[in-house]
Amino acid sequence: MLTPAQSDYDHYGETEAFGIFPDWQSQLSKFASVEDHQREWKPSVARRMEHFACITIAMLDIDGFRIDKATQITPDMLGNWSDSVR
């Protein structure tokens, strides 16, 4: 079994759906048990995300992706991911 430090996901706790929370908490935590944050700064995780995006485009013939919460991904990864999808 993997330890939290070895996992491909970050676990910053959970934020309830109602209430006022600091920006860092609402951006990094699960919102009402909905999100898991991948450790996209790990090269193996980044490559998998890029590969999955390309497979999705090829198999479903989609024209693009909608990214709602780009603040939860590092700018370097977002740029690299965008390049690989293009």
PDB file of N, CA and C in Angstrom:
ATOM      1  N   MET A   1       0.846  -1.186   0.000  1.00  0.00           N
ATOM      2  CA  MET A   1       0.000   0.000   0.000  1.00  0.00           C
ATOM      3  C   MET A   1       0.888   1.244   0.000  1.00  0.00           C
ATOM      4  N   LEU A   2       0.491   2.236  -0.783  1.00  0.00           N
ATOM      5  CA  LEU A   2       1.263   3.473  -0.862  1.00  0.00           C
ATOM      6  C   LEU A   2       0.989   4.374   0.330  1.00  0.00           C
ATOM      7  N   THR A   3       2.012   5.079   0.748  1.00  0.00           N
ATOM      8  CA  THR A   3       1.817   6.102   1.767  1.00  0.00           C
ATOM      9  C   THR A   3       1.271   7.345   1.076  1.00  0.00           C
ATOM     10  N   PRO A   4       0.677   8.294   1.804  1.00  0.00           N
ATOM     11  CA  PRO A   4       0.188   9.521   1.174  1.00  0.00           C
ATOM     12  C   PRO A   4       1.275  10.265   0.386  1.00  0.00           C
ATOM     13  N   ALA A   5       2.511  10.208   0.846  1.00  0.00           N
ATOM     14  CA  ALA A   5       3.598  10.895   0.149  1.00  0.00           C
ATOM     15  C   ALA A   5       3.931  10.228  -1.182  1.00  0.00           C
ATOM     16  N   GLN A   6       3.653   8.929  -1.332  1.00  0.00           N
ATOM     17  CA  GLN A   6       3.942   8.204  -2.563  1.00  0.00           C
ATOM     18  C   GLN A   6       2.773   8.230  -3.551  1.00  0.00           C
ATOM     19  N   SER A   7       1.635   8.638  -3.102  1.00  0.00           N
ATOM     20  CA  SER A   7       0.434   8.620  -3.919  1.00  0.00           C
ATOM     21  C   SER A   7       0.529   9.614  -5.076  1.00  0.00           C
ATOM     22  N   ASP A   8      -0.272   9.406  -6.098  1.00  0.00           N
ATOM     23  CA  ASP A   8      -0.367  10.352  -7.209  1.00  0.00           C
ATOM     24  C   ASP A   8      -1.341  11.474  -6.903  1.00  0.00           C
ATOM     25  N   TYR A   9      -1.946  11.449  -5.731  1.00  0.00           N
ATOM     26  CA  TYR A   9      -2.916  12.458  -5.334  1.00  0.00           C
ATOM     27  C   TYR A   9      -2.460  13.200  -4.088  1.00  0.00           C
ATOM     28  N   ASP A  10      -2.846  14.467  -4.000  1.00  0.00           N
ATOM     29  CA  ASP A  10      -2.641  15.246  -2.787  1.00  0.00           C
ATOM     30  C   ASP A  10      -3.911  15.173  -1.974  1.00  0.00           C
ATOM     31  N   HIS A  11      -3.762  15.156  -0.688  1.00  0.00           N
ATOM     32  CA  HIS A  11      -4.923  15.111   0.196  1.00  0.00           C
ATOM     33  C   HIS A  11      -4.802  16.252   1.189  1.00  0.00           C
ATOM     34  N   TYR A  12      -5.395  17.373   0.856  1.00  0.00           N
ATOM     35  CA  TYR A  12      -5.318  18.553   1.718  1.00  0.00           C
ATOM     36  C   TYR A  12      -6.560  18.711   2.581  1.00  0.00           C
ATOM     37  N   GLY A  13      -7.306  17.659   2.739  1.00  0.00           N
ATOM     38  CA  GLY A  13      -8.496  17.759   3.566  1.00  0.00           C
ATOM     39  C   GLY A  13      -9.708  18.140   2.741  1.00  0.00           C
ATOM     40  N   GLU A  14     -10.739  18.510   3.440  1.00  0.00           N
ATOM     41  CA  GLU A  14     -12.006  18.765   2.797  1.00  0.00           C
ATOM     42  C   GLU A  14     -12.574  20.107   3.224  1.00  0.00           C
ATOM     43  N   THR A  15     -13.276  20.768   2.309  1.00  0.00           N
ATOM     44  CA  THR A  15     -13.957  22.024   2.600  1.00  0.00           C
ATOM     45  C   THR A  15     -15.445  21.796   2.414  1.00  0.00           C
ATOM     46  N   GLU A  16     -16.221  22.215   3.358  1.00  0.00           N
ATOM     47  CA  GLU A  16     -17.669  22.061   3.259  1.00  0.00           C
ATOM     48  C   GLU A  16     -18.225  22.936   2.139  1.00  0.00           C
ATOM     49  N   ALA A  17     -19.402  22.599   1.666  1.00  0.00           N
ATOM     50  CA  ALA A  17     -20.019  23.326   0.565  1.00  0.00           C
ATOM     51  C   ALA A  17     -20.462  24.731   0.969  1.00  0.00           C
ATOM     52  N   PHE A  18     -20.721  24.938   2.239  1.00  0.00           N
ATOM     53  CA  PHE A  18     -21.200  26.241   2.688  1.00  0.00           C
ATOM     54  C   PHE A  18     -20.235  26.828   3.697  1.00  0.00           C
ATOM     55  N   GLY A  19     -20.006  28.121   3.605  1.00  0.00           N
ATOM     56  CA  GLY A  19     -19.117  28.787   4.544  1.00  0.00           C
ATOM     57  C   GLY A  19     -18.096  29.647   3.808  1.00  0.00           C
ATOM     58  N   ILE A  20     -17.358  30.400   4.572  1.00  0.00           N
ATOM     59  CA  ILE A  20     -16.317  31.258   4.016  1.00  0.00           C
ATOM     60  C   ILE A  20     -14.980  30.702   4.458  1.00  0.00           C
ATOM     61  N   PHE A  21     -14.131  30.416   3.491  1.00  0.00           N
ATOM     62  CA  PHE A  21     -12.840  29.802   3.754  1.00  0.00           C
ATOM     63  C   PHE A  21     -11.751  30.609   3.062  1.00  0.00           C
ATOM     64  N   PRO A  22     -10.540  30.578   3.563  1.00  0.00           N
ATOM     65  CA  PRO A  22      -9.437  31.257   2.879  1.00  0.00           C
ATOM     66  C   PRO A  22      -9.247  30.685   1.474  1.00  0.00           C
ATOM     67  N   ASP A  23      -8.769  31.519   0.541  1.00  0.00           N
ATOM     68  CA  ASP A  23      -8.590  31.073  -0.841  1.00  0.00           C
ATOM     69  C   ASP A  23      -7.732  29.823  -0.941  1.00  0.00           C
ATOM     70  N   TRP A  24      -6.627  29.788  -0.188  1.00  0.00           N
ATOM     71  CA  TRP A  24      -5.734  28.631  -0.295  1.00  0.00           C
ATOM     72  C   TRP A  24      -6.452  27.344   0.075  1.00  0.00           C
ATOM     73  N   GLN A  25      -7.334  27.427   1.067  1.00  0.00           N
ATOM     74  CA  GLN A  25      -8.038  26.225   1.520  1.00  0.00           C
ATOM     75  C   GLN A  25      -9.068  25.772   0.492  1.00  0.00           C
ATOM     76  N   SER A  26      -9.801  26.712  -0.063  1.00  0.00           N
ATOM     77  CA  SER A  26     -10.818  26.320  -1.034  1.00  0.00           C
ATOM     78  C   SER A  26     -10.200  25.853  -2.347  1.00  0.00           C
ATOM     79  N   GLN A  27      -8.988  26.306  -2.665  1.00  0.00           N
ATOM     80  CA  GLN A  27      -8.343  25.891  -3.905  1.00  0.00           C
ATOM     81  C   GLN A  27      -7.610  24.561  -3.779  1.00  0.00           C
ATOM     82  N   LEU A  28      -7.140  24.232  -2.589  1.00  0.00           N
ATOM     83  CA  LEU A  28      -6.331  23.032  -2.433  1.00  0.00           C
ATOM     84  C   LEU A  28      -7.057  21.844  -1.813  1.00  0.00           C
ATOM     85  N   SER A  29      -8.227  22.069  -1.272  1.00  0.00           N
ATOM     86  CA  SER A  29      -8.921  20.973  -0.603  1.00  0.00           C
ATOM     87  C   SER A  29     -10.046  20.437  -1.487  1.00  0.00           C
ATOM     88  N   LYS A  30     -10.554  19.281  -1.091  1.00  0.00           N
ATOM     89  CA  LYS A  30     -11.730  18.756  -1.779  1.00  0.00           C
ATOM     90  C   LYS A  30     -12.904  19.655  -1.424  1.00  0.00           C
ATOM     91  N   PHE A  31     -13.724  19.977  -2.401  1.00  0.00           N
ATOM     92  CA  PHE A  31     -14.907  20.782  -2.152  1.00  0.00           C
ATOM     93  C   PHE A  31     -16.085  19.841  -2.017  1.00  0.00           C
ATOM     94  N   ALA A  32     -16.570  19.688  -0.819  1.00  0.00           N
ATOM     95  CA  ALA A  32     -17.725  18.835  -0.533  1.00  0.00           C
ATOM     96  C   ALA A  32     -17.515  17.427  -1.096  1.00  0.00           C
ATOM     97  N   SER A  33     -16.338  16.867  -0.881  1.00  0.00           N
ATOM     98  CA  SER A  33     -15.976  15.497  -1.277  1.00  0.00           C
ATOM     99  C   SER A  33     -15.942  15.274  -2.781  1.00  0.00           C
ATOM    100  N   VAL A  34     -15.768  16.323  -3.569  1.00  0.00           N
ATOM    101  CA  VAL A  34     -15.883  16.183  -5.013  1.00  0.00           C
ATOM    102  C   VAL A  34     -14.553  15.971  -5.719  1.00  0.00           C
ATOM    103  N   GLU A  35     -13.480  16.609  -5.300  1.00  0.00           N
ATOM    104  CA  GLU A  35     -12.261  16.616  -6.090  1.00  0.00           C
ATOM    105  C   GLU A  35     -11.103  15.885  -5.429  1.00  0.00           C
ATOM    106  N   ASP A  36     -10.269  15.310  -6.243  1.00  0.00           N
ATOM    107  CA  ASP A  36      -8.965  14.834  -5.831  1.00  0.00           C
ATOM    108  C   ASP A  36      -7.951  15.612  -6.649  1.00  0.00           C
ATOM    109  N   HIS A  37      -6.870  16.006  -6.046  1.00  0.00           N
ATOM    110  CA  HIS A  37      -5.852  16.776  -6.738  1.00  0.00           C
ATOM    111  C   HIS A  37      -4.674  15.882  -7.073  1.00  0.00           C
ATOM    112  N   GLN A  38      -4.395  15.765  -8.355  1.00  0.00           N
ATOM    113  CA  GLN A  38      -3.270  14.948  -8.765  1.00  0.00           C
ATOM    114  C   GLN A  38      -1.977  15.725  -8.582  1.00  0.00           C
ATOM    115  N   ARG A  39      -0.930  15.022  -8.276  1.00  0.00           N
ATOM    116  CA  ARG A  39       0.389  15.641  -8.119  1.00  0.00           C
ATOM    117  C   ARG A  39       1.019  15.760  -9.500  1.00  0.00           C
ATOM    118  N   GLU A  40       0.522  16.723 -10.266  1.00  0.00           N
ATOM    119  CA  GLU A  40       0.932  16.837 -11.653  1.00  0.00           C
ATOM    120  C   GLU A  40       2.375  17.286 -11.815  1.00  0.00           C
ATOM    121  N   TRP A  41       3.015  17.719 -10.744  1.00  0.00           N
ATOM    122  CA  TRP A  41       4.423  18.095 -10.832  1.00  0.00           C
ATOM    123  C   TRP A  41       5.326  16.870 -10.863  1.00  0.00           C
ATOM    124  N   LYS A  42       4.761  15.695 -10.574  1.00  0.00           N
ATOM    125  CA  LYS A  42       5.517  14.450 -10.715  1.00  0.00           C
ATOM    126  C   LYS A  42       5.505  14.073 -12.201  1.00  0.00           C
ATOM    127  N   PRO A  43       6.675  13.877 -12.812  1.00  0.00           N
ATOM    128  CA  PRO A  43       6.714  13.582 -14.257  1.00  0.00           C
ATOM    129  C   PRO A  43       5.831  12.406 -14.680  1.00  0.00           C
ATOM    130  N   SER A  44       5.766  11.354 -13.876  1.00  0.00           N
ATOM    131  CA  SER A  44       4.945  10.200 -14.266  1.00  0.00           C
ATOM    132  C   SER A  44       3.459  10.558 -14.308  1.00  0.00           C
ATOM    133  N   VAL A  45       3.009  11.386 -13.386  1.00  0.00           N
ATOM    134  CA  VAL A  45       1.604  11.802 -13.359  1.00  0.00           C
ATOM    135  C   VAL A  45       1.322  12.752 -14.527  1.00  0.00           C
ATOM    136  N   ALA A  46       2.227  13.673 -14.776  1.00  0.00           N
ATOM    137  CA  ALA A  46       2.051  14.628 -15.881  1.00  0.00           C
ATOM    138  C   ALA A  46       1.956  13.894 -17.219  1.00  0.00           C
ATOM    139  N   ARG A  47       2.843  12.937 -17.445  1.00  0.00           N
ATOM    140  CA  ARG A  47       2.823  12.186 -18.717  1.00  0.00           C
ATOM    141  C   ARG A  47       1.520  11.412 -18.875  1.00  0.00           C
ATOM    142  N   ARG A  48       1.018  10.833 -17.782  1.00  0.00           N
ATOM    143  CA  ARG A  48      -0.253  10.109 -17.862  1.00  0.00           C
ATOM    144  C   ARG A  48      -1.414  11.042 -18.201  1.00  0.00           C
ATOM    145  N   MET A  49      -1.416  12.227 -17.599  1.00  0.00           N
ATOM    146  CA  MET A  49      -2.484  13.192 -17.884  1.00  0.00           C
ATOM    147  C   MET A  49      -2.442  13.629 -19.349  1.00  0.00           C
ATOM    148  N   GLU A  50      -1.233  13.884 -19.856  1.00  0.00           N
ATOM    149  CA  GLU A  50      -1.087  14.277 -21.261  1.00  0.00           C
ATOM    150  C   GLU A  50      -1.520  13.138 -22.190  1.00  0.00           C
ATOM    151  N   HIS A  51      -1.091  11.930 -21.867  1.00  0.00           N
ATOM    152  CA  HIS A  51      -1.444  10.765 -22.680  1.00  0.00           C
ATOM    153  C   HIS A  51      -2.953  10.542 -22.691  1.00  0.00           C
ATOM    154  N   PHE A  52      -3.580  10.637 -21.537  1.00  0.00           N
ATOM    155  CA  PHE A  52      -5.029  10.447 -21.452  1.00  0.00           C
ATOM    156  C   PHE A  52      -5.773  11.492 -22.282  1.00  0.00           C
ATOM    157  N   ALA A  53      -5.303  12.741 -22.238  1.00  0.00           N
ATOM    158  CA  ALA A  53      -5.955  13.800 -23.022  1.00  0.00           C
ATOM    159  C   ALA A  53      -5.874  13.481 -24.515  1.00  0.00           C
ATOM    160  N   CYS A  54      -4.711  13.018 -24.968  1.00  0.00           N
ATOM    161  CA  CYS A  54      -4.543  12.696 -26.388  1.00  0.00           C
ATOM    162  C   CYS A  54      -5.396  11.493 -26.794  1.00  0.00           C
ATOM    163  N   ILE A  55      -5.482  10.500 -25.930  1.00  0.00           N
ATOM    164  CA  ILE A  55      -6.334   9.342 -26.213  1.00  0.00           C
ATOM    165  C   ILE A  55      -7.794   9.785 -26.311  1.00  0.00           C
ATOM    166  N   THR A  56      -8.217  10.664 -25.410  1.00  0.00           N
ATOM    167  CA  THR A  56      -9.597  11.148 -25.412  1.00  0.00           C
ATOM    168  C   THR A  56      -9.912  11.877 -26.713  1.00  0.00           C
ATOM    169  N   ILE A  57      -9.006  12.735 -27.156  1.00  0.00           N
ATOM    170  CA  ILE A  57      -9.203  13.463 -28.412  1.00  0.00           C
ATOM    171  C   ILE A  57      -9.301  12.488 -29.579  1.00  0.00           C
ATOM    172  N   ALA A  58      -8.387  11.529 -29.640  1.00  0.00           N
ATOM    173  CA  ALA A  58      -8.369  10.574 -30.752  1.00  0.00           C
ATOM    174  C   ALA A  58      -9.611   9.684 -30.778  1.00  0.00           C
ATOM    175  N   MET A  59     -10.041   9.218 -29.629  1.00  0.00           N
ATOM    176  CA  MET A  59     -11.155   8.264 -29.600  1.00  0.00           C
ATOM    177  C   MET A  59     -12.521   8.930 -29.714  1.00  0.00           C
ATOM    178  N   LEU A  60     -12.653  10.123 -29.146  1.00  0.00           N
ATOM    179  CA  LEU A  60     -13.966  10.776 -29.129  1.00  0.00           C
ATOM    180  C   LEU A  60     -14.088  11.912 -30.141  1.00  0.00           C
ATOM    181  N   ASP A  61     -12.989  12.224 -30.821  1.00  0.00           N
ATOM    182  CA  ASP A  61     -12.973  13.284 -31.832  1.00  0.00           C
ATOM    183  C   ASP A  61     -13.504  14.616 -31.281  1.00  0.00           C
ATOM    184  N   ILE A  62     -13.068  14.948 -30.063  1.00  0.00           N
ATOM    185  CA  ILE A  62     -13.488  16.221 -29.477  1.00  0.00           C
ATOM    186  C   ILE A  62     -12.579  17.338 -29.978  1.00  0.00           C
ATOM    187  N   ASP A  63     -13.045  18.570 -29.856  1.00  0.00           N
ATOM    188  CA  ASP A  63     -12.300  19.730 -30.346  1.00  0.00           C
ATOM    189  C   ASP A  63     -11.512  20.445 -29.264  1.00  0.00           C
ATOM    190  N   GLY A  64     -11.800  20.170 -28.001  1.00  0.00           N
ATOM    191  CA  GLY A  64     -11.077  20.869 -26.941  1.00  0.00           C
ATOM    192  C   GLY A  64     -11.551  20.440 -25.568  1.00  0.00           C
ATOM    193  N   PHE A  65     -10.909  21.030 -24.578  1.00  0.00           N
ATOM    194  CA  PHE A  65     -11.233  20.756 -23.187  1.00  0.00           C
ATOM    195  C   PHE A  65     -11.625  22.058 -22.502  1.00  0.00           C
ATOM    196  N   ARG A  66     -12.501  21.972 -21.563  1.00  0.00           N
ATOM    197  CA  ARG A  66     -12.833  23.114 -20.723  1.00  0.00           C
ATOM    198  C   ARG A  66     -12.138  22.903 -19.383  1.00  0.00           C
ATOM    199  N   ILE A  67     -11.335  23.863 -18.995  1.00  0.00           N
ATOM    200  CA  ILE A  67     -10.605  23.773 -17.731  1.00  0.00           C
ATOM    201  C   ILE A  67     -11.174  24.838 -16.802  1.00  0.00           C
ATOM    202  N   ASP A  68     -11.927  24.397 -15.817  1.00  0.00           N
ATOM    203  CA  ASP A  68     -12.606  25.325 -14.918  1.00  0.00           C
ATOM    204  C   ASP A  68     -11.719  25.831 -13.793  1.00  0.00           C
ATOM    205  N   LYS A  69     -10.814  25.029 -13.328  1.00  0.00           N
ATOM    206  CA  LYS A  69     -10.049  25.410 -12.146  1.00  0.00           C
ATOM    207  C   LYS A  69      -8.560  25.338 -12.425  1.00  0.00           C
ATOM    208  N   ALA A  70      -8.107  26.157 -13.345  1.00  0.00           N
ATOM    209  CA  ALA A  70      -6.692  26.150 -13.720  1.00  0.00           C
ATOM    210  C   ALA A  70      -5.802  26.621 -12.574  1.00  0.00           C
ATOM    211  N   THR A  71      -6.381  27.218 -11.543  1.00  0.00           N
ATOM    212  CA  THR A  71      -5.568  27.646 -10.395  1.00  0.00           C
ATOM    213  C   THR A  71      -5.077  26.459  -9.587  1.00  0.00           C
ATOM    214  N   GLN A  72      -5.590  25.271  -9.851  1.00  0.00           N
ATOM    215  CA  GLN A  72      -5.187  24.095  -9.092  1.00  0.00           C
ATOM    216  C   GLN A  72      -4.136  23.270  -9.815  1.00  0.00           C
ATOM    217  N   ILE A  73      -3.547  23.833 -10.843  1.00  0.00           N
ATOM    218  CA  ILE A  73      -2.493  23.150 -11.578  1.00  0.00           C
ATOM    219  C   ILE A  73      -1.338  24.138 -11.733  1.00  0.00           C
ATOM    220  N   THR A  74      -0.125  23.645 -11.701  1.00  0.00           N
ATOM    221  CA  THR A  74       1.012  24.558 -11.825  1.00  0.00           C
ATOM    222  C   THR A  74       1.066  25.128 -13.237  1.00  0.00           C
ATOM    223  N   PRO A  75       1.501  26.387 -13.386  1.00  0.00           N
ATOM    224  CA  PRO A  75       1.570  27.004 -14.717  1.00  0.00           C
ATOM    225  C   PRO A  75       2.447  26.206 -15.693  1.00  0.00           C
ATOM    226  N   ASP A  76       3.548  25.640 -15.206  1.00  0.00           N
ATOM    227  CA  ASP A  76       4.408  24.845 -16.090  1.00  0.00           C
ATOM    228  C   ASP A  76       3.658  23.634 -16.637  1.00  0.00           C
ATOM    229  N   MET A  77       2.955  22.942 -15.777  1.00  0.00           N
ATOM    230  CA  MET A  77       2.210  21.761 -16.221  1.00  0.00           C
ATOM    231  C   MET A  77       1.111  22.159 -17.189  1.00  0.00           C
ATOM    232  N   LEU A  78       0.414  23.245 -16.914  1.00  0.00           N
ATOM    233  CA  LEU A  78      -0.663  23.681 -17.808  1.00  0.00           C
ATOM    234  C   LEU A  78      -0.110  23.997 -19.194  1.00  0.00           C
ATOM    235  N   GLY A  79       1.050  24.658 -19.241  1.00  0.00           N
ATOM    236  CA  GLY A  79       1.679  24.955 -20.530  1.00  0.00           C
ATOM    237  C   GLY A  79       2.127  23.700 -21.247  1.00  0.00           C
ATOM    238  N   ASN A  80       2.763  22.788 -20.526  1.00  0.00           N
ATOM    239  CA  ASN A  80       3.216  21.527 -21.127  1.00  0.00           C
ATOM    240  C   ASN A  80       2.037  20.688 -21.604  1.00  0.00           C
ATOM    241  N   TRP A  81       1.005  20.637 -20.796  1.00  0.00           N
ATOM    242  CA  TRP A  81      -0.189  19.873 -21.162  1.00  0.00           C
ATOM    243  C   TRP A  81      -0.831  20.460 -22.413  1.00  0.00           C
ATOM    244  N   SER A  82      -0.940  21.795 -22.476  1.00  0.00           N
ATOM    245  CA  SER A  82      -1.532  22.450 -23.647  1.00  0.00           C
ATOM    246  C   SER A  82      -0.731  22.151 -24.909  1.00  0.00           C
ATOM    247  N   ASP A  83       0.597  22.200 -24.795  1.00  0.00           N
ATOM    248  CA  ASP A  83       1.449  21.881 -25.939  1.00  0.00           C
ATOM    249  C   ASP A  83       1.239  20.438 -26.409  1.00  0.00           C
ATOM    250  N   SER A  84       1.161  19.516 -25.466  1.00  0.00           N
ATOM    251  CA  SER A  84       1.012  18.113 -25.853  1.00  0.00           C
ATOM    252  C   SER A  84      -0.350  17.849 -26.488  1.00  0.00           C
ATOM    253  N   VAL A  85      -1.382  18.551 -26.031  1.00  0.00           N
ATOM    254  CA  VAL A  85      -2.713  18.365 -26.591  1.00  0.00           C
ATOM    255  C   VAL A  85      -2.787  18.935 -28.005  1.00  0.00           C
ATOM    256  N   ARG A  86      -2.111  20.051 -28.225  1.00  0.00           N
ATOM    257  CA  ARG A  86      -2.082  20.644 -29.567  1.00  0.00           C
ATOM    258  C   ARG A  86      -1.433  19.692 -30.533  1.00  0.00           C
TER     259      ARG A  86
END
